[in-house]
Amino acid sequence: MTCNLLLVDDHSLIRAGVRALVMDIPGYAVIGEASDGAEVLELASRLDPDIILLDLSMRHTGGLDALRELQTRLPGSKVLILSMHTEPDLIMQALETGADGYLLKDTTATELAQALAALRNGERYLSPAIAHTVINQALGRARALKPAETQTHGLTVRQLEILRLIVRGKSTREIANGLGLSVKTVETHRSQIMKRLQIFDVAGLVLFAVREGIISLDD
């Protein structure tokens, strides 16, 4: 089944470039384009796209305002932010407003395909550079948190330790070597963490750790 996309950017050349990339990815089709936040609300309501690729900086109604409206009007549509902005506060605001993913405009065709596939499968996606920014932002917020305020959510001390390493971008082998565990043991903990939290992608774990204050300056 084809996954239908709506492109939203006030630069026609950007839209043309993204459309060309999408045409080379099997299983996806661009069914509409909008040049500002106000236009996307009308088009999205009429076309009901599966995924909306949304720029943040647009004339008239901006991307964040449009995102808030889309969350109310079309909760079934996924929103992938496609932006040139890397400011931590703006990224966090977009994610907290309801964006399902955040991708930089200088992305490759491969990463665009990965992001679209993640959203299509009900997961979230963050560009690797953005994930690092989100973590750094979380560290800044953690300064105001006391250890007692962090909730365990049913995770063991070891699982919380592994969760912190996962969201910091460590591979399973790196975690195993660092903690003196076998790769199989770390994989088991990873599976149990995701099952306990009902979060099955790394981007989702990053957002969870940010929201719950699990990441601290002492990690």
Protein backbone atom coordinates (compact mmCIF):
# COMPACT_ATOMS: atom_id res chain seq x y z
CA MET A 1 0.00 0.00 0.00
CA THR A 2 1.28 3.45 -0.93
CA CYS A 3 2.04 5.89 1.89
CA ASN A 4 0.71 9.34 0.95
CA LEU A 5 2.76 12.44 1.78
CA LEU A 6 2.01 16.15 1.97
CA LEU A 7 4.96 18.54 1.51
CA VAL A 8 4.88 21.88 3.32
CA ASP A 9 7.59 24.46 2.63
CA ASP A 10 7.48 28.06 1.41
CA HIS A 11 10.39 27.48 -1.00
CA SER A 12 9.33 25.82 -4.25
CA LEU A 13 12.87 24.59 -4.93
CA ILE A 14 12.96 22.79 -1.59
CA ARG A 15 9.63 21.14 -2.32
CA ALA A 16 10.83 20.10 -5.76
CA GLY A 17 13.99 18.60 -4.29
CA VAL A 18 12.15 16.63 -1.62
CA ARG A 19 9.55 15.48 -4.16
CA ALA A 20 12.32 14.18 -6.41
CA LEU A 21 13.85 12.25 -3.51
CA VAL A 22 10.49 10.75 -2.55
CA MET A 23 9.88 9.60 -6.13
CA ASP A 24 12.94 7.35 -5.83
CA ILE A 25 11.68 5.70 -2.62
CA PRO A 26 9.33 2.76 -3.35
CA GLY A 27 5.97 2.83 -1.60
CA TYR A 28 5.59 6.60 -1.18
CA ALA A 29 3.76 9.27 -3.16
CA VAL A 30 3.44 13.04 -2.82
CA ILE A 31 -0.28 13.84 -3.07
CA GLY A 32 -0.11 17.56 -2.32
CA GLU A 33 2.08 20.57 -1.59
CA ALA A 34 1.54 23.66 0.52
CA SER A 35 3.58 26.84 0.81
CA ASP A 36 2.52 28.04 4.28
CA GLY A 37 1.00 26.88 7.53
CA ALA A 38 -2.48 28.15 6.76
CA GLU A 39 -2.61 26.33 3.44
CA VAL A 40 -1.50 23.03 4.94
CA LEU A 41 -4.48 22.95 7.29
CA GLU A 42 -6.93 23.15 4.40
CA LEU A 43 -5.03 20.66 2.24
CA ALA A 44 -4.42 18.18 5.04
CA SER A 45 -8.11 18.17 6.00
CA ARG A 46 -9.06 17.49 2.39
CA LEU A 47 -6.36 14.99 1.42
CA ASP A 48 -5.86 13.18 4.75
CA PRO A 49 -2.17 12.32 4.17
CA ASP A 50 -0.39 9.57 6.08
CA ILE A 51 2.69 11.72 6.70
CA ILE A 52 3.14 15.50 6.56
CA LEU A 53 6.65 16.85 5.92
CA LEU A 54 6.51 20.23 7.62
CA ASP A 55 8.93 23.15 7.60
CA LEU A 56 9.02 25.32 10.74
CA SER A 57 9.86 28.72 9.23
CA MET A 58 7.05 29.86 6.95
CA ARG A 59 5.12 33.04 6.27
CA HIS A 60 1.64 33.60 7.67
CA THR A 61 0.88 30.63 9.94
CA GLY A 62 4.21 29.19 11.11
CA GLY A 63 5.14 25.54 11.39
CA LEU A 64 4.62 25.23 15.15
CA ASP A 65 1.20 26.87 14.99
CA ALA A 66 0.25 24.57 12.11
CA LEU A 67 1.55 21.57 14.06
CA ARG A 68 -0.69 22.42 17.02
CA GLU A 69 -3.72 22.64 14.74
CA LEU A 70 -2.83 19.40 12.96
CA GLN A 71 -2.68 17.57 16.29
CA THR A 72 -6.31 18.55 16.84
CA ARG A 73 -7.69 18.21 13.32
CA LEU A 74 -5.77 15.20 11.99
CA PRO A 75 -4.44 13.15 14.91
CA GLY A 76 -4.03 10.18 12.58
CA SER A 77 -1.47 11.92 10.35
CA LYS A 78 2.20 11.68 11.30
CA VAL A 79 4.30 14.85 11.14
CA LEU A 80 7.96 14.85 10.16
CA ILE A 81 9.66 18.19 10.69
CA LEU A 82 12.04 18.99 7.84
CA SER A 83 14.02 22.04 8.93
CA MET A 84 17.36 23.80 8.74
CA HIS A 85 17.12 24.83 12.41
CA THR A 86 19.26 23.07 15.01
CA GLU A 87 18.48 25.27 18.03
CA PRO A 88 17.81 22.96 21.03
CA ASP A 89 14.85 24.96 22.34
CA LEU A 90 13.10 24.93 18.97
CA ILE A 91 13.70 21.22 18.46
CA MET A 92 12.35 20.41 21.92
CA GLN A 93 9.35 22.64 21.35
CA ALA A 94 8.53 20.87 18.09
CA LEU A 95 8.82 17.43 19.68
CA GLU A 96 6.78 18.42 22.72
CA THR A 97 4.12 19.97 20.47
CA GLY A 98 3.62 16.59 18.82
CA ALA A 99 6.07 16.13 15.94
CA ASP A 100 6.78 12.46 15.27
CA GLY A 101 10.23 13.13 13.85
CA TYR A 102 12.78 15.83 13.15
CA LEU A 103 15.00 15.76 10.08
CA LEU A 104 17.50 18.34 8.89
CA LYS A 105 17.18 19.73 5.36
CA ASP A 106 20.71 18.68 4.47
CA THR A 107 19.70 15.06 4.96
CA THR A 108 20.57 12.28 2.52
CA ALA A 109 18.07 10.28 0.50
CA THR A 110 18.91 7.26 2.64
CA GLU A 111 18.10 9.05 5.88
CA LEU A 112 14.87 10.44 4.46
CA ALA A 113 13.83 6.89 3.57
CA GLN A 114 14.72 5.73 7.10
CA ALA A 115 12.71 8.53 8.68
CA LEU A 116 9.65 7.88 6.53
CA ALA A 117 9.84 4.14 7.24
CA ALA A 118 10.05 4.79 10.98
CA LEU A 119 6.97 7.02 11.01
CA ARG A 120 5.11 4.63 8.74
CA ASN A 121 5.75 1.85 11.26
CA GLY A 122 4.45 3.92 14.16
CA GLU A 123 7.91 4.85 15.46
CA ARG A 124 9.59 8.22 15.86
CA TYR A 125 12.74 9.43 14.18
CA LEU A 126 15.45 11.93 15.06
CA SER A 127 18.47 12.75 12.93
CA PRO A 128 21.59 11.54 14.76
CA ALA A 129 22.81 15.13 15.16
CA ILE A 130 19.40 16.13 16.55
CA ALA A 131 19.37 13.24 19.02
CA HIS A 132 22.65 14.56 20.43
CA THR A 133 21.14 18.04 20.72
CA VAL A 134 18.07 16.68 22.50
CA ILE A 135 20.26 14.84 25.00
CA ASN A 136 22.31 17.96 25.70
CA GLN A 137 19.10 19.88 26.25
CA ALA A 138 17.98 17.19 28.68
CA LEU A 139 21.23 17.55 30.59
CA GLY A 140 20.56 21.26 30.98
CA ARG A 141 17.09 20.61 32.31
CA ALA A 142 18.41 17.94 34.64
CA ARG A 143 20.22 20.60 36.68
CA ALA A 144 16.89 21.48 38.26
CA LEU A 145 16.00 17.89 39.09
CA LYS A 146 16.76 16.12 42.36
CA PRO A 147 17.57 12.39 42.21
CA ALA A 148 14.45 11.57 44.20
CA GLU A 149 12.28 13.18 41.55
CA THR A 150 13.29 10.66 38.89
CA GLN A 151 10.74 7.85 38.51
CA THR A 152 11.96 4.28 37.93
CA HIS A 153 8.84 3.20 35.98
CA GLY A 154 9.36 -0.37 37.13
CA LEU A 155 12.91 -0.57 35.78
CA THR A 156 15.75 -2.05 37.81
CA VAL A 157 18.86 -0.03 38.64
CA ARG A 158 20.76 -1.96 35.98
CA GLN A 159 18.06 -1.32 33.38
CA LEU A 160 18.06 2.42 34.15
CA GLU A 161 21.83 2.38 33.71
CA ILE A 162 21.52 0.65 30.35
CA LEU A 163 18.70 2.98 29.29
CA ARG A 164 20.92 6.02 29.93
CA LEU A 165 23.66 4.49 27.79
CA ILE A 166 21.21 3.64 24.98
CA VAL A 167 19.89 7.20 24.75
CA ARG A 168 23.47 8.46 24.73
CA GLY A 169 23.97 6.56 21.49
CA LYS A 170 26.05 3.66 22.80
CA SER A 171 25.83 0.40 20.82
CA THR A 172 24.90 -2.90 22.45
CA ARG A 173 28.52 -4.09 22.25
CA GLU A 174 29.84 -0.83 23.73
CA ILE A 175 27.40 -1.13 26.62
CA ALA A 176 28.36 -4.76 27.20
CA ASN A 177 32.07 -3.97 27.22
CA GLY A 178 31.63 -0.95 29.48
CA LEU A 179 29.53 -2.77 32.07
CA GLY A 180 31.34 -6.12 31.89
CA LEU A 181 28.25 -7.93 30.59
CA SER A 182 27.67 -10.23 27.65
CA VAL A 183 26.06 -8.85 24.50
CA LYS A 184 23.17 -11.29 24.99
CA THR A 185 22.54 -9.99 28.53
CA VAL A 186 22.45 -6.39 27.31
CA GLU A 187 20.09 -7.36 24.46
CA THR A 188 17.80 -9.03 27.01
CA HIS A 189 17.79 -5.92 29.21
CA ARG A 190 17.13 -3.73 26.16
CA SER A 191 14.15 -5.87 25.17
CA GLN A 192 12.76 -5.83 28.72
CA ILE A 193 13.17 -2.03 28.94
CA MET A 194 11.24 -1.49 25.71
CA LYS A 195 8.54 -3.96 26.70
CA ARG A 196 8.16 -2.38 30.15
CA LEU A 197 7.92 1.16 28.73
CA GLN A 198 6.02 0.10 25.59
CA ILE A 199 8.52 2.10 23.53
CA PHE A 200 10.19 0.19 20.72
CA ASP A 201 12.51 2.70 19.03
CA VAL A 202 15.58 4.60 20.21
CA ALA A 203 14.09 8.00 19.34
CA GLY A 204 11.14 7.23 21.60
CA LEU A 205 13.48 6.21 24.43
CA VAL A 206 15.38 9.49 24.04
CA LEU A 207 12.17 11.52 24.31
CA PHE A 208 11.03 9.44 27.29
CA ALA A 209 14.34 9.97 29.11
CA VAL A 210 14.13 13.72 28.45
CA ARG A 211 10.55 13.99 29.67
CA GLU A 212 11.08 11.91 32.81
CA GLY A 213 14.42 13.42 33.82
CA ILE A 214 16.16 10.04 33.69
CA ILE A 215 19.25 11.60 32.12
CA SER A 216 21.35 13.46 34.69
CA LEU A 217 24.62 15.37 34.71
CA ASP A 218 26.23 12.50 36.59
CA ASP A 219 25.50 9.92 33.87
